[in-house]
Amino acid sequence: VQLQAFGGGLVQGGDSLRLSCDVSGASAGRYTVAWFRQAPEKEREVVAAIWRTGGYKYYADAVKGRFTISRDNAKNTVYLHMDSLKPEDTAVYYCAADKTLILSSWSREDQYDYWGQGTLVTVSS
């Protein structure tokens, strides 16, 4: 399974941006997919996750109400739509996938077997 994240860029505070994660080598619908991010000099943290069928979605407190995760299994793509971006959202965003993840482990980085290369989001003030 290969993941490719793209869509990052430089935006101003308050702007919106949509990231995409293309899944190849397998049917995306069999995998729970999450977005993580790592800001400079900080540890990587979970942002959001979406269950295989899209029935369950989870968000970190810092992005609730501003970010929306979705998926189109027919296109083998998972999206992260980010609204009301803040400078503190600046980070490299990674998508990750796992086939056997249990719901209670959605935020655990070590539970995801497959990772994309990351896309940089920079939010200016």
PDB file of N, CA and C in Angstrom:
ATOM      1  N   VAL A   1       0.849  -1.183   0.000  1.00  0.00           N
ATOM      2  CA  VAL A   1       0.000   0.000   0.000  1.00  0.00           C
ATOM      3  C   VAL A   1       0.890   1.239   0.000  1.00  0.00           C
ATOM      4  N   GLN A   2       0.592   2.157  -0.912  1.00  0.00           N
ATOM      5  CA  GLN A   2       1.331   3.424  -0.953  1.00  0.00           C
ATOM      6  C   GLN A   2       0.361   4.581  -0.752  1.00  0.00           C
ATOM      7  N   LEU A   3       0.818   5.559   0.002  1.00  0.00           N
ATOM      8  CA  LEU A   3       0.022   6.745   0.245  1.00  0.00           C
ATOM      9  C   LEU A   3       0.770   7.959  -0.266  1.00  0.00           C
ATOM     10  N   GLN A   4       0.039   8.862  -0.879  1.00  0.00           N
ATOM     11  CA  GLN A   4       0.650  10.102  -1.342  1.00  0.00           C
ATOM     12  C   GLN A   4      -0.220  11.265  -0.917  1.00  0.00           C
ATOM     13  N   ALA A   5       0.349  12.126  -0.106  1.00  0.00           N
ATOM     14  CA  ALA A   5      -0.354  13.309   0.375  1.00  0.00           C
ATOM     15  C   ALA A   5       0.066  14.507  -0.455  1.00  0.00           C
ATOM     16  N   PHE A   6      -0.892  15.336  -0.798  1.00  0.00           N
ATOM     17  CA  PHE A   6      -0.566  16.561  -1.512  1.00  0.00           C
ATOM     18  C   PHE A   6      -1.657  17.593  -1.252  1.00  0.00           C
ATOM     19  N   GLY A   7      -1.385  18.805  -1.696  1.00  0.00           N
ATOM     20  CA  GLY A   7      -2.346  19.884  -1.527  1.00  0.00           C
ATOM     21  C   GLY A   7      -1.889  20.975  -0.571  1.00  0.00           C
ATOM     22  N   GLY A   8      -0.741  20.787   0.057  1.00  0.00           N
ATOM     23  CA  GLY A   8      -0.236  21.801   0.976  1.00  0.00           C
ATOM     24  C   GLY A   8       0.182  23.062   0.248  1.00  0.00           C
ATOM     25  N   GLY A   9       0.474  24.088   1.020  1.00  0.00           N
ATOM     26  CA  GLY A   9       0.898  25.336   0.430  1.00  0.00           C
ATOM     27  C   GLY A   9       0.964  26.436   1.463  1.00  0.00           C
ATOM     28  N   LEU A  10       1.181  27.641   0.985  1.00  0.00           N
ATOM     29  CA  LEU A  10       1.257  28.828   1.836  1.00  0.00           C
ATOM     30  C   LEU A  10      -0.066  29.585   1.752  1.00  0.00           C
ATOM     31  N   VAL A  11      -0.712  29.763   2.895  1.00  0.00           N
ATOM     32  CA  VAL A  11      -1.980  30.484   2.940  1.00  0.00           C
ATOM     33  C   VAL A  11      -1.935  31.495   4.080  1.00  0.00           C
ATOM     34  N   GLN A  12      -2.909  32.369   4.081  1.00  0.00           N
ATOM     35  CA  GLN A  12      -3.006  33.356   5.163  1.00  0.00           C
ATOM     36  C   GLN A  12      -3.962  32.851   6.240  1.00  0.00           C
ATOM     37  N   GLY A  13      -3.811  33.372   7.428  1.00  0.00           N
ATOM     38  CA  GLY A  13      -4.719  33.019   8.504  1.00  0.00           C
ATOM     39  C   GLY A  13      -6.161  33.289   8.111  1.00  0.00           C
ATOM     40  N   GLY A  14      -7.046  32.325   8.411  1.00  0.00           N
ATOM     41  CA  GLY A  14      -8.443  32.456   8.057  1.00  0.00           C
ATOM     42  C   GLY A  14      -8.809  31.802   6.748  1.00  0.00           C
ATOM     43  N   ASP A  15      -7.809  31.463   5.951  1.00  0.00           N
ATOM     44  CA  ASP A  15      -8.059  30.824   4.663  1.00  0.00           C
ATOM     45  C   ASP A  15      -8.418  29.349   4.841  1.00  0.00           C
ATOM     46  N   SER A  16      -8.806  28.738   3.730  1.00  0.00           N
ATOM     47  CA  SER A  16      -9.121  27.311   3.688  1.00  0.00           C
ATOM     48  C   SER A  16      -8.158  26.605   2.757  1.00  0.00           C
ATOM     49  N   LEU A  17      -8.017  25.315   2.996  1.00  0.00           N
ATOM     50  CA  LEU A  17      -7.136  24.501   2.169  1.00  0.00           C
ATOM     51  C   LEU A  17      -7.638  23.067   2.234  1.00  0.00           C
ATOM     52  N   ARG A  18      -7.506  22.342   1.149  1.00  0.00           N
ATOM     53  CA  ARG A  18      -7.898  20.932   1.157  1.00  0.00           C
ATOM     54  C   ARG A  18      -6.699  20.059   0.804  1.00  0.00           C
ATOM     55  N   LEU A  19      -6.408  19.142   1.684  1.00  0.00           N
ATOM     56  CA  LEU A  19      -5.373  18.145   1.438  1.00  0.00           C
ATOM     57  C   LEU A  19      -6.005  16.864   0.904  1.00  0.00           C
ATOM     58  N   SER A  20      -5.243  16.170   0.083  1.00  0.00           N
ATOM     59  CA  SER A  20      -5.700  14.887  -0.454  1.00  0.00           C
ATOM     60  C   SER A  20      -4.670  13.811  -0.150  1.00  0.00           C
ATOM     61  N   CYS A  21      -5.160  12.625   0.063  1.00  0.00           N
ATOM     62  CA  CYS A  21      -4.295  11.468   0.288  1.00  0.00           C
ATOM     63  C   CYS A  21      -4.739  10.378  -0.689  1.00  0.00           C
ATOM     64  N   ASP A  22      -3.925  10.128  -1.677  1.00  0.00           N
ATOM     65  CA  ASP A  22      -4.234   9.081  -2.643  1.00  0.00           C
ATOM     66  C   ASP A  22      -3.684   7.756  -2.148  1.00  0.00           C
ATOM     67  N   VAL A  23      -4.515   6.744  -2.169  1.00  0.00           N
ATOM     68  CA  VAL A  23      -4.127   5.403  -1.755  1.00  0.00           C
ATOM     69  C   VAL A  23      -3.990   4.533  -2.997  1.00  0.00           C
ATOM     70  N   SER A  24      -2.880   3.847  -3.120  1.00  0.00           N
ATOM     71  CA  SER A  24      -2.674   2.960  -4.258  1.00  0.00           C
ATOM     72  C   SER A  24      -2.144   1.618  -3.778  1.00  0.00           C
ATOM     73  N   GLY A  25      -2.323   0.628  -4.615  1.00  0.00           N
ATOM     74  CA  GLY A  25      -1.850  -0.700  -4.260  1.00  0.00           C
ATOM     75  C   GLY A  25      -2.855  -1.531  -3.500  1.00  0.00           C
ATOM     76  N   ALA A  26      -3.971  -0.941  -3.157  1.00  0.00           N
ATOM     77  CA  ALA A  26      -5.011  -1.654  -2.419  1.00  0.00           C
ATOM     78  C   ALA A  26      -6.272  -0.818  -2.455  1.00  0.00           C
ATOM     79  N   SER A  27      -7.363  -1.442  -2.099  1.00  0.00           N
ATOM     80  CA  SER A  27      -8.622  -0.715  -2.046  1.00  0.00           C
ATOM     81  C   SER A  27      -8.664   0.132  -0.781  1.00  0.00           C
ATOM     82  N   ALA A  28      -8.807   1.429  -0.943  1.00  0.00           N
ATOM     83  CA  ALA A  28      -8.784   2.336   0.207  1.00  0.00           C
ATOM     84  C   ALA A  28      -9.877   2.016   1.206  1.00  0.00           C
ATOM     85  N   GLY A  29     -10.976   1.475   0.726  1.00  0.00           N
ATOM     86  CA  GLY A  29     -12.106   1.184   1.583  1.00  0.00           C
ATOM     87  C   GLY A  29     -11.840   0.136   2.648  1.00  0.00           C
ATOM     88  N   ARG A  30     -10.720  -0.540   2.560  1.00  0.00           N
ATOM     89  CA  ARG A  30     -10.357  -1.541   3.565  1.00  0.00           C
ATOM     90  C   ARG A  30      -9.507  -0.963   4.683  1.00  0.00           C
ATOM     91  N   TYR A  31      -9.206   0.327   4.614  1.00  0.00           N
ATOM     92  CA  TYR A  31      -8.265   0.933   5.548  1.00  0.00           C
ATOM     93  C   TYR A  31      -8.870   2.113   6.285  1.00  0.00           C
ATOM     94  N   THR A  32      -8.594   2.170   7.552  1.00  0.00           N
ATOM     95  CA  THR A  32      -8.828   3.397   8.304  1.00  0.00           C
ATOM     96  C   THR A  32      -7.682   4.338   7.949  1.00  0.00           C
ATOM     97  N   VAL A  33      -8.018   5.577   7.677  1.00  0.00           N
ATOM     98  CA  VAL A  33      -7.007   6.559   7.274  1.00  0.00           C
ATOM     99  C   VAL A  33      -7.039   7.746   8.229  1.00  0.00           C
ATOM    100  N   ALA A  34      -5.880   8.205   8.581  1.00  0.00           N
ATOM    101  CA  ALA A  34      -5.765   9.345   9.492  1.00  0.00           C
ATOM    102  C   ALA A  34      -4.816  10.376   8.924  1.00  0.00           C
ATOM    103  N   TRP A  35      -4.996  11.591   9.388  1.00  0.00           N
ATOM    104  CA  TRP A  35      -4.050  12.658   9.118  1.00  0.00           C
ATOM    105  C   TRP A  35      -3.324  12.985  10.413  1.00  0.00           C
ATOM    106  N   PHE A  36      -2.008  13.100  10.323  1.00  0.00           N
ATOM    107  CA  PHE A  36      -1.168  13.553  11.417  1.00  0.00           C
ATOM    108  C   PHE A  36      -0.442  14.807  10.947  1.00  0.00           C
ATOM    109  N   ARG A  37       0.118  15.528  11.883  1.00  0.00           N
ATOM    110  CA  ARG A  37       0.923  16.681  11.505  1.00  0.00           C
ATOM    111  C   ARG A  37       2.086  16.829  12.476  1.00  0.00           C
ATOM    112  N   GLN A  38       3.138  17.434  11.958  1.00  0.00           N
ATOM    113  CA  GLN A  38       4.305  17.701  12.798  1.00  0.00           C
ATOM    114  C   GLN A  38       4.779  19.109  12.530  1.00  0.00           C
ATOM    115  N   ALA A  39       4.669  19.927  13.561  1.00  0.00           N
ATOM    116  CA  ALA A  39       5.139  21.300  13.492  1.00  0.00           C
ATOM    117  C   ALA A  39       6.625  21.322  13.816  1.00  0.00           C
ATOM    118  N   PRO A  40       7.319  22.403  13.420  1.00  0.00           N
ATOM    119  CA  PRO A  40       8.756  22.493  13.706  1.00  0.00           C
ATOM    120  C   PRO A  40       9.054  22.336  15.193  1.00  0.00           C
ATOM    121  N   GLU A  41       9.990  21.479  15.498  1.00  0.00           N
ATOM    122  CA  GLU A  41      10.451  21.238  16.869  1.00  0.00           C
ATOM    123  C   GLU A  41       9.358  20.686  17.778  1.00  0.00           C
ATOM    124  N   LYS A  42       8.352  20.084  17.197  1.00  0.00           N
ATOM    125  CA  LYS A  42       7.301  19.458  18.001  1.00  0.00           C
ATOM    126  C   LYS A  42       7.119  18.014  17.556  1.00  0.00           C
ATOM    127  N   GLU A  43       6.504  17.235  18.411  1.00  0.00           N
ATOM    128  CA  GLU A  43       6.236  15.848  18.077  1.00  0.00           C
ATOM    129  C   GLU A  43       5.052  15.754  17.127  1.00  0.00           C
ATOM    130  N   ARG A  44       5.011  14.690  16.384  1.00  0.00           N
ATOM    131  CA  ARG A  44       3.898  14.472  15.469  1.00  0.00           C
ATOM    132  C   ARG A  44       2.629  14.197  16.280  1.00  0.00           C
ATOM    133  N   GLU A  45       1.527  14.739  15.830  1.00  0.00           N
ATOM    134  CA  GLU A  45       0.260  14.578  16.538  1.00  0.00           C
ATOM    135  C   GLU A  45      -0.850  14.237  15.552  1.00  0.00           C
ATOM    136  N   VAL A  46      -1.849  13.550  16.068  1.00  0.00           N
ATOM    137  CA  VAL A  46      -2.981  13.183  15.218  1.00  0.00           C
ATOM    138  C   VAL A  46      -3.862  14.401  14.992  1.00  0.00           C
ATOM    139  N   VAL A  47      -4.447  14.472  13.819  1.00  0.00           N
ATOM    140  CA  VAL A  47      -5.362  15.555  13.476  1.00  0.00           C
ATOM    141  C   VAL A  47      -6.788  15.018  13.350  1.00  0.00           C
ATOM    142  N   ALA A  48      -6.954  13.980  12.545  1.00  0.00           N
ATOM    143  CA  ALA A  48      -8.282  13.419  12.311  1.00  0.00           C
ATOM    144  C   ALA A  48      -8.136  12.013  11.739  1.00  0.00           C
ATOM    145  N   ALA A  49      -9.186  11.243  11.867  1.00  0.00           N
ATOM    146  CA  ALA A  49      -9.188   9.895  11.316  1.00  0.00           C
ATOM    147  C   ALA A  49     -10.577   9.557  10.824  1.00  0.00           C
ATOM    148  N   ILE A  50     -10.639   8.682   9.836  1.00  0.00           N
ATOM    149  CA  ILE A  50     -11.918   8.268   9.282  1.00  0.00           C
ATOM    150  C   ILE A  50     -11.909   6.761   9.106  1.00  0.00           C
ATOM    151  N   TRP A  51     -12.997   6.160   9.562  1.00  0.00           N
ATOM    152  CA  TRP A  51     -13.116   4.708   9.512  1.00  0.00           C
ATOM    153  C   TRP A  51     -13.255   4.235   8.068  1.00  0.00           C
ATOM    154  N   ARG A  52     -13.070   2.936   7.871  1.00  0.00           N
ATOM    155  CA  ARG A  52     -13.011   2.359   6.525  1.00  0.00           C
ATOM    156  C   ARG A  52     -14.184   2.765   5.647  1.00  0.00           C
ATOM    157  N   THR A  53     -15.378   2.684   6.210  1.00  0.00           N
ATOM    158  CA  THR A  53     -16.566   2.994   5.425  1.00  0.00           C
ATOM    159  C   THR A  53     -16.955   4.469   5.526  1.00  0.00           C
ATOM    160  N   GLY A  54     -16.233   5.199   6.332  1.00  0.00           N
ATOM    161  CA  GLY A  54     -16.562   6.605   6.531  1.00  0.00           C
ATOM    162  C   GLY A  54     -17.600   6.832   7.602  1.00  0.00           C
ATOM    163  N   GLY A  55     -18.047   5.758   8.258  1.00  0.00           N
ATOM    164  CA  GLY A  55     -19.096   5.889   9.244  1.00  0.00           C
ATOM    165  C   GLY A  55     -18.671   6.567  10.525  1.00  0.00           C
ATOM    166  N   TYR A  56     -17.408   6.491  10.853  1.00  0.00           N
ATOM    167  CA  TYR A  56     -16.904   7.132  12.067  1.00  0.00           C
ATOM    168  C   TYR A  56     -15.791   8.106  11.691  1.00  0.00           C
ATOM    169  N   LYS A  57     -15.845   9.261  12.330  1.00  0.00           N
ATOM    170  CA  LYS A  57     -14.811  10.262  12.119  1.00  0.00           C
ATOM    171  C   LYS A  57     -14.368  10.791  13.482  1.00  0.00           C
ATOM    172  N   TYR A  58     -13.096  11.053  13.623  1.00  0.00           N
ATOM    173  CA  TYR A  58     -12.543  11.531  14.882  1.00  0.00           C
ATOM    174  C   TYR A  58     -11.658  12.738  14.612  1.00  0.00           C
ATOM    175  N   TYR A  59     -11.676  13.664  15.555  1.00  0.00           N
ATOM    176  CA  TYR A  59     -10.897  14.886  15.401  1.00  0.00           C
ATOM    177  C   TYR A  59     -10.164  15.210  16.693  1.00  0.00           C
ATOM    178  N   ALA A  60      -8.975  15.752  16.536  1.00  0.00           N
ATOM    179  CA  ALA A  60      -8.274  16.293  17.693  1.00  0.00           C
ATOM    180  C   ALA A  60      -8.996  17.555  18.147  1.00  0.00           C
ATOM    181  N   ASP A  61      -8.923  17.844  19.429  1.00  0.00           N
ATOM    182  CA  ASP A  61      -9.635  19.007  19.969  1.00  0.00           C
ATOM    183  C   ASP A  61      -9.208  20.302  19.275  1.00  0.00           C
ATOM    184  N   ALA A  62      -7.945  20.386  18.896  1.00  0.00           N
ATOM    185  CA  ALA A  62      -7.421  21.626  18.320  1.00  0.00           C
ATOM    186  C   ALA A  62      -8.034  21.969  16.963  1.00  0.00           C
ATOM    187  N   VAL A  63      -8.641  20.976  16.303  1.00  0.00           N
ATOM    188  CA  VAL A  63      -9.161  21.233  14.953  1.00  0.00           C
ATOM    189  C   VAL A  63     -10.667  21.021  14.842  1.00  0.00           C
ATOM    190  N   LYS A  64     -11.304  20.585  15.913  1.00  0.00           N
ATOM    191  CA  LYS A  64     -12.746  20.358  15.880  1.00  0.00           C
ATOM    192  C   LYS A  64     -13.481  21.619  15.473  1.00  0.00           C
ATOM    193  N   GLY A  65     -14.416  21.449  14.551  1.00  0.00           N
ATOM    194  CA  GLY A  65     -15.201  22.582  14.084  1.00  0.00           C
ATOM    195  C   GLY A  65     -14.548  23.354  12.950  1.00  0.00           C
ATOM    196  N   ARG A  66     -13.267  23.073  12.686  1.00  0.00           N
ATOM    197  CA  ARG A  66     -12.566  23.782  11.597  1.00  0.00           C
ATOM    198  C   ARG A  66     -12.142  22.833  10.482  1.00  0.00           C
ATOM    199  N   PHE A  67     -11.774  21.615  10.834  1.00  0.00           N
ATOM    200  CA  PHE A  67     -11.307  20.635   9.854  1.00  0.00           C
ATOM    201  C   PHE A  67     -12.380  19.570   9.642  1.00  0.00           C
ATOM    202  N   THR A  68     -12.432  19.064   8.418  1.00  0.00           N
ATOM    203  CA  THR A  68     -13.358  17.985   8.085  1.00  0.00           C
ATOM    204  C   THR A  68     -12.627  16.917   7.297  1.00  0.00           C
ATOM    205  N   ILE A  69     -12.709  15.697   7.768  1.00  0.00           N
ATOM    206  CA  ILE A  69     -12.109  14.574   7.043  1.00  0.00           C
ATOM    207  C   ILE A  69     -13.212  13.850   6.285  1.00  0.00           C
ATOM    208  N   SER A  70     -12.895  13.429   5.081  1.00  0.00           N
ATOM    209  CA  SER A  70     -13.865  12.701   4.268  1.00  0.00           C
ATOM    210  C   SER A  70     -13.122  11.746   3.361  1.00  0.00           C
ATOM    211  N   ARG A  71     -13.866  10.887   2.718  1.00  0.00           N
ATOM    212  CA  ARG A  71     -13.218   9.941   1.821  1.00  0.00           C
ATOM    213  C   ARG A  71     -14.121   9.628   0.644  1.00  0.00           C
ATOM    214  N   ASP A  72     -13.477   9.298  -0.461  1.00  0.00           N
ATOM    215  CA  ASP A  72     -14.173   8.829  -1.648  1.00  0.00           C
ATOM    216  C   ASP A  72     -13.504   7.518  -2.019  1.00  0.00           C
ATOM    217  N   ASN A  73     -14.073   6.425  -1.561  1.00  0.00           N
ATOM    218  CA  ASN A  73     -13.440   5.130  -1.781  1.00  0.00           C
ATOM    219  C   ASN A  73     -13.401   4.744  -3.257  1.00  0.00           C
ATOM    220  N   ALA A  74     -14.327   5.263  -4.032  1.00  0.00           N
ATOM    221  CA  ALA A  74     -14.307   4.981  -5.465  1.00  0.00           C
ATOM    222  C   ALA A  74     -13.072   5.594  -6.122  1.00  0.00           C
ATOM    223  N   LYS A  75     -12.585   6.694  -5.539  1.00  0.00           N
ATOM    224  CA  LYS A  75     -11.393   7.350  -6.066  1.00  0.00           C
ATOM    225  C   LYS A  75     -10.146   6.989  -5.267  1.00  0.00           C
ATOM    226  N   ASN A  76     -10.334   6.147  -4.240  1.00  0.00           N
ATOM    227  CA  ASN A  76      -9.203   5.769  -3.384  1.00  0.00           C
ATOM    228  C   ASN A  76      -8.504   6.993  -2.795  1.00  0.00           C
ATOM    229  N   THR A  77      -9.306   7.937  -2.363  1.00  0.00           N
ATOM    230  CA  THR A  77      -8.758   9.193  -1.855  1.00  0.00           C
ATOM    231  C   THR A  77      -9.437   9.596  -0.558  1.00  0.00           C
ATOM    232  N   VAL A  78      -8.639  10.117   0.354  1.00  0.00           N
ATOM    233  CA  VAL A  78      -9.126  10.682   1.610  1.00  0.00           C
ATOM    234  C   VAL A  78      -8.737  12.157   1.626  1.00  0.00           C
ATOM    235  N   TYR A  79      -9.658  12.983   2.092  1.00  0.00           N
ATOM    236  CA  TYR A  79      -9.450  14.425   2.080  1.00  0.00           C
ATOM    237  C   TYR A  79      -9.417  14.977   3.496  1.00  0.00           C
ATOM    238  N   LEU A  80      -8.729  16.080   3.629  1.00  0.00           N
ATOM    239  CA  LEU A  80      -8.787  16.860   4.869  1.00  0.00           C
ATOM    240  C   LEU A  80      -9.056  18.297   4.457  1.00  0.00           C
ATOM    241  N   HIS A  81     -10.279  18.730   4.705  1.00  0.00           N
ATOM    242  CA  HIS A  81     -10.642  20.099   4.386  1.00  0.00           C
ATOM    243  C   HIS A  81     -10.421  20.946   5.626  1.00  0.00           C
ATOM    244  N   MET A  82      -9.622  21.986   5.483  1.00  0.00           N
ATOM    245  CA  MET A  82      -9.235  22.812   6.621  1.00  0.00           C
ATOM    246  C   MET A  82      -9.763  24.232   6.428  1.00  0.00           C
ATOM    247  N   ASP A  83     -10.589  24.656   7.340  1.00  0.00           N
ATOM    248  CA  ASP A  83     -11.129  26.016   7.328  1.00  0.00           C
ATOM    249  C   ASP A  83     -10.546  26.821   8.480  1.00  0.00           C
ATOM    250  N   SER A  84     -10.678  28.135   8.368  1.00  0.00           N
ATOM    251  CA  SER A  84     -10.251  29.040   9.450  1.00  0.00           C
ATOM    252  C   SER A  84      -8.845  28.710   9.932  1.00  0.00           C
ATOM    253  N   LEU A  85      -7.949  28.561   9.004  1.00  0.00           N
ATOM    254  CA  LEU A  85      -6.586  28.164   9.361  1.00  0.00           C
ATOM    255  C   LEU A  85      -5.906  29.216  10.226  1.00  0.00           C
ATOM    256  N   LYS A  86      -5.085  28.728  11.145  1.00  0.00           N
ATOM    257  CA  LYS A  86      -4.359  29.570  12.075  1.00  0.00           C
ATOM    258  C   LYS A  86      -2.861  29.332  11.899  1.00  0.00           C
ATOM    259  N   PRO A  87      -2.050  30.286  12.291  1.00  0.00           N
ATOM    260  CA  PRO A  87      -0.601  30.073  12.195  1.00  0.00           C
ATOM    261  C   PRO A  87      -0.143  28.805  12.930  1.00  0.00           C
ATOM    262  N   GLU A  88      -0.823  28.471  14.007  1.00  0.00           N
ATOM    263  CA  GLU A  88      -0.432  27.264  14.754  1.00  0.00           C
ATOM    264  C   GLU A  88      -0.788  25.977  14.030  1.00  0.00           C
ATOM    265  N   ASP A  89      -1.475  26.068  12.902  1.00  0.00           N
ATOM    266  CA  ASP A  89      -1.739  24.880  12.071  1.00  0.00           C
ATOM    267  C   ASP A  89      -0.573  24.593  11.131  1.00  0.00           C
ATOM    268  N   THR A  90       0.410  25.477  11.119  1.00  0.00           N
ATOM    269  CA  THR A  90       1.577  25.271  10.272  1.00  0.00           C
ATOM    270  C   THR A  90       2.305  23.991  10.672  1.00  0.00           C
ATOM    271  N   ALA A  91       2.489  23.115   9.689  1.00  0.00           N
ATOM    272  CA  ALA A  91       3.106  21.816   9.970  1.00  0.00           C
ATOM    273  C   ALA A  91       3.240  21.041   8.669  1.00  0.00           C
ATOM    274  N   VAL A  92       3.986  19.961   8.743  1.00  0.00           N
ATOM    275  CA  VAL A  92       3.960  18.964   7.675  1.00  0.00           C
ATOM    276  C   VAL A  92       2.836  17.990   8.002  1.00  0.00           C
ATOM    277  N   TYR A  93       1.952  17.805   7.065  1.00  0.00           N
ATOM    278  CA  TYR A  93       0.796  16.927   7.268  1.00  0.00           C
ATOM    279  C   TYR A  93       1.044  15.598   6.565  1.00  0.00           C
ATOM    280  N   TYR A  94       0.804  14.529   7.307  1.00  0.00           N
ATOM    281  CA  TYR A  94       0.998  13.181   6.803  1.00  0.00           C
ATOM    282  C   TYR A  94      -0.330  12.423   6.830  1.00  0.00           C
ATOM    283  N   CYS A  95      -0.539  11.591   5.835  1.00  0.00           N
ATOM    284  CA  CYS A  95      -1.653  10.662   5.939  1.00  0.00           C
ATOM    285  C   CYS A  95      -1.092   9.278   6.245  1.00  0.00           C
ATOM    286  N   ALA A  96      -1.881   8.518   6.975  1.00  0.00           N
ATOM    287  CA  ALA A  96      -1.474   7.184   7.396  1.00  0.00           C
ATOM    288  C   ALA A  96      -2.669   6.250   7.295  1.00  0.00           C
ATOM    289  N   ALA A  97      -2.403   4.975   7.106  1.00  0.00           N
ATOM    290  CA  ALA A  97      -3.494   4.019   6.931  1.00  0.00           C
ATOM    291  C   ALA A  97      -3.198   2.727   7.663  1.00  0.00           C
ATOM    292  N   ASP A  98      -4.255   2.084   8.063  1.00  0.00           N
ATOM    293  CA  ASP A  98      -4.110   0.779   8.678  1.00  0.00           C
ATOM    294  C   ASP A  98      -5.347  -0.054   8.407  1.00  0.00           C
ATOM    295  N   LYS A  99      -5.138  -1.339   8.230  1.00  0.00           N
ATOM    296  CA  LYS A  99      -6.232  -2.227   7.865  1.00  0.00           C
ATOM    297  C   LYS A  99      -6.932  -2.824   9.069  1.00  0.00           C
ATOM    298  N   THR A 100      -6.223  -2.952  10.184  1.00  0.00           N
ATOM    299  CA  THR A 100      -6.780  -3.679  11.328  1.00  0.00           C
ATOM    300  C   THR A 100      -6.975  -2.807  12.558  1.00  0.00           C
ATOM    301  N   LEU A 101      -6.904  -1.497  12.383  1.00  0.00           N
ATOM    302  CA  LEU A 101      -7.016  -0.578  13.517  1.00  0.00           C
ATOM    303  C   LEU A 101      -8.351  -0.750  14.231  1.00  0.00           C
ATOM    304  N   ILE A 102      -8.317  -0.709  15.554  1.00  0.00           N
ATOM    305  CA  ILE A 102      -9.559  -0.706  16.315  1.00  0.00           C
ATOM    306  C   ILE A 102      -9.920   0.728  16.665  1.00  0.00           C
ATOM    307  N   LEU A 103     -11.209   0.960  16.868  1.00  0.00           N
ATOM    308  CA  LEU A 103     -11.686   2.329  17.049  1.00  0.00           C
ATOM    309  C   LEU A 103     -10.954   3.073  18.163  1.00  0.00           C
ATOM    310  N   SER A 104     -10.731   2.396  19.257  1.00  0.00           N
ATOM    311  CA  SER A 104     -10.143   3.077  20.417  1.00  0.00           C
ATOM    312  C   SER A 104      -8.702   3.499  20.179  1.00  0.00           C
ATOM    313  N   SER A 105      -8.078   3.017  19.136  1.00  0.00           N
ATOM    314  CA  SER A 105      -6.670   3.334  18.856  1.00  0.00           C
ATOM    315  C   SER A 105      -6.491   4.357  17.740  1.00  0.00           C
ATOM    316  N   TRP A 106      -7.542   5.040  17.401  1.00  0.00           N
ATOM    317  CA  TRP A 106      -7.505   5.914  16.222  1.00  0.00           C
ATOM    318  C   TRP A 106      -6.435   6.985  16.300  1.00  0.00           C
ATOM    319  N   SER A 107      -6.091   7.427  17.481  1.00  0.00           N
ATOM    320  CA  SER A 107      -5.147   8.525  17.621  1.00  0.00           C
ATOM    321  C   SER A 107      -3.702   8.066  17.813  1.00  0.00           C
ATOM    322  N   ARG A 108      -3.485   6.792  17.849  1.00  0.00           N
ATOM    323  CA  ARG A 108      -2.159   6.262  18.159  1.00  0.00           C
ATOM    324  C   ARG A 108      -1.325   6.102  16.901  1.00  0.00           C
ATOM    325  N   GLU A 109      -0.272   6.880  16.842  1.00  0.00           N
ATOM    326  CA  GLU A 109       0.626   6.877  15.686  1.00  0.00           C
ATOM    327  C   GLU A 109       1.200   5.490  15.426  1.00  0.00           C
ATOM    328  N   ASP A 110       1.496   4.764  16.497  1.00  0.00           N
ATOM    329  CA  ASP A 110       2.169   3.472  16.331  1.00  0.00           C
ATOM    330  C   ASP A 110       1.243   2.379  15.808  1.00  0.00           C
ATOM    331  N   GLN A 111      -0.047   2.696  15.642  1.00  0.00           N
ATOM    332  CA  GLN A 111      -0.992   1.700  15.167  1.00  0.00           C
ATOM    333  C   GLN A 111      -1.182   1.726  13.663  1.00  0.00           C
ATOM    334  N   TYR A 112      -0.556   2.695  12.993  1.00  0.00           N
ATOM    335  CA  TYR A 112      -0.714   2.831  11.549  1.00  0.00           C
ATOM    336  C   TYR A 112       0.505   2.247  10.842  1.00  0.00           C
ATOM    337  N   ASP A 113       0.258   1.354   9.926  1.00  0.00           N
ATOM    338  CA  ASP A 113       1.344   0.654   9.250  1.00  0.00           C
ATOM    339  C   ASP A 113       1.868   1.375   8.009  1.00  0.00           C
ATOM    340  N   TYR A 114       1.035   2.182   7.388  1.00  0.00           N
ATOM    341  CA  TYR A 114       1.423   2.786   6.112  1.00  0.00           C
ATOM    342  C   TYR A 114       1.363   4.303   6.217  1.00  0.00           C
ATOM    343  N   TRP A 115       2.386   4.948   5.654  1.00  0.00           N
ATOM    344  CA  TRP A 115       2.505   6.408   5.774  1.00  0.00           C
ATOM    345  C   TRP A 115       2.836   7.030   4.423  1.00  0.00           C
ATOM    346  N   GLY A 116       2.275   8.204   4.197  1.00  0.00           N
ATOM    347  CA  GLY A 116       2.645   8.992   3.041  1.00  0.00           C
ATOM    348  C   GLY A 116       3.840   9.863   3.363  1.00  0.00           C
ATOM    349  N   GLN A 117       4.300  10.633   2.405  1.00  0.00           N
ATOM    350  CA  GLN A 117       5.543  11.388   2.542  1.00  0.00           C
ATOM    351  C   GLN A 117       5.365  12.751   3.195  1.00  0.00           C
ATOM    352  N   GLY A 118       4.147  13.226   3.333  1.00  0.00           N
ATOM    353  CA  GLY A 118       3.941  14.520   3.974  1.00  0.00           C
ATOM    354  C   GLY A 118       3.831  15.666   2.989  1.00  0.00           C
ATOM    355  N   THR A 119       3.020  16.643   3.356  1.00  0.00           N
ATOM    356  CA  THR A 119       2.870  17.858   2.555  1.00  0.00           C
ATOM    357  C   THR A 119       2.857  19.041   3.516  1.00  0.00           C
ATOM    358  N   LEU A 120       3.583  20.079   3.164  1.00  0.00           N
ATOM    359  CA  LEU A 120       3.783  21.204   4.072  1.00  0.00           C
ATOM    360  C   LEU A 120       2.653  22.216   3.941  1.00  0.00           C
ATOM    361  N   VAL A 121       2.098  22.575   5.080  1.00  0.00           N
ATOM    362  CA  VAL A 121       1.103  23.643   5.157  1.00  0.00           C
ATOM    363  C   VAL A 121       1.693  24.765   5.988  1.00  0.00           C
ATOM    364  N   THR A 122       1.737  25.947   5.418  1.00  0.00           N
ATOM    365  CA  THR A 122       2.255  27.113   6.125  1.00  0.00           C
ATOM    366  C   THR A 122       1.165  28.173   6.167  1.00  0.00           C
ATOM    367  N   VAL A 123       0.828  28.604   7.382  1.00  0.00           N
ATOM    368  CA  VAL A 123      -0.218  29.603   7.562  1.00  0.00           C
ATOM    369  C   VAL A 123       0.423  30.863   8.113  1.00  0.00           C
ATOM    370  N   SER A 124       0.332  31.927   7.359  1.00  0.00           N
ATOM    371  CA  SER A 124       0.912  33.197   7.799  1.00  0.00           C
ATOM    372  C   SER A 124      -0.115  33.999   8.581  1.00  0.00           C
ATOM    373  N   SER A 125       0.378  34.820   9.478  1.00  0.00           N
ATOM    374  CA  SER A 125      -0.524  35.625  10.318  1.00  0.00           C
ATOM    375  C   SER A 125      -0.886  36.940   9.651  1.00  0.00           C
TER     376      SER A 125
END
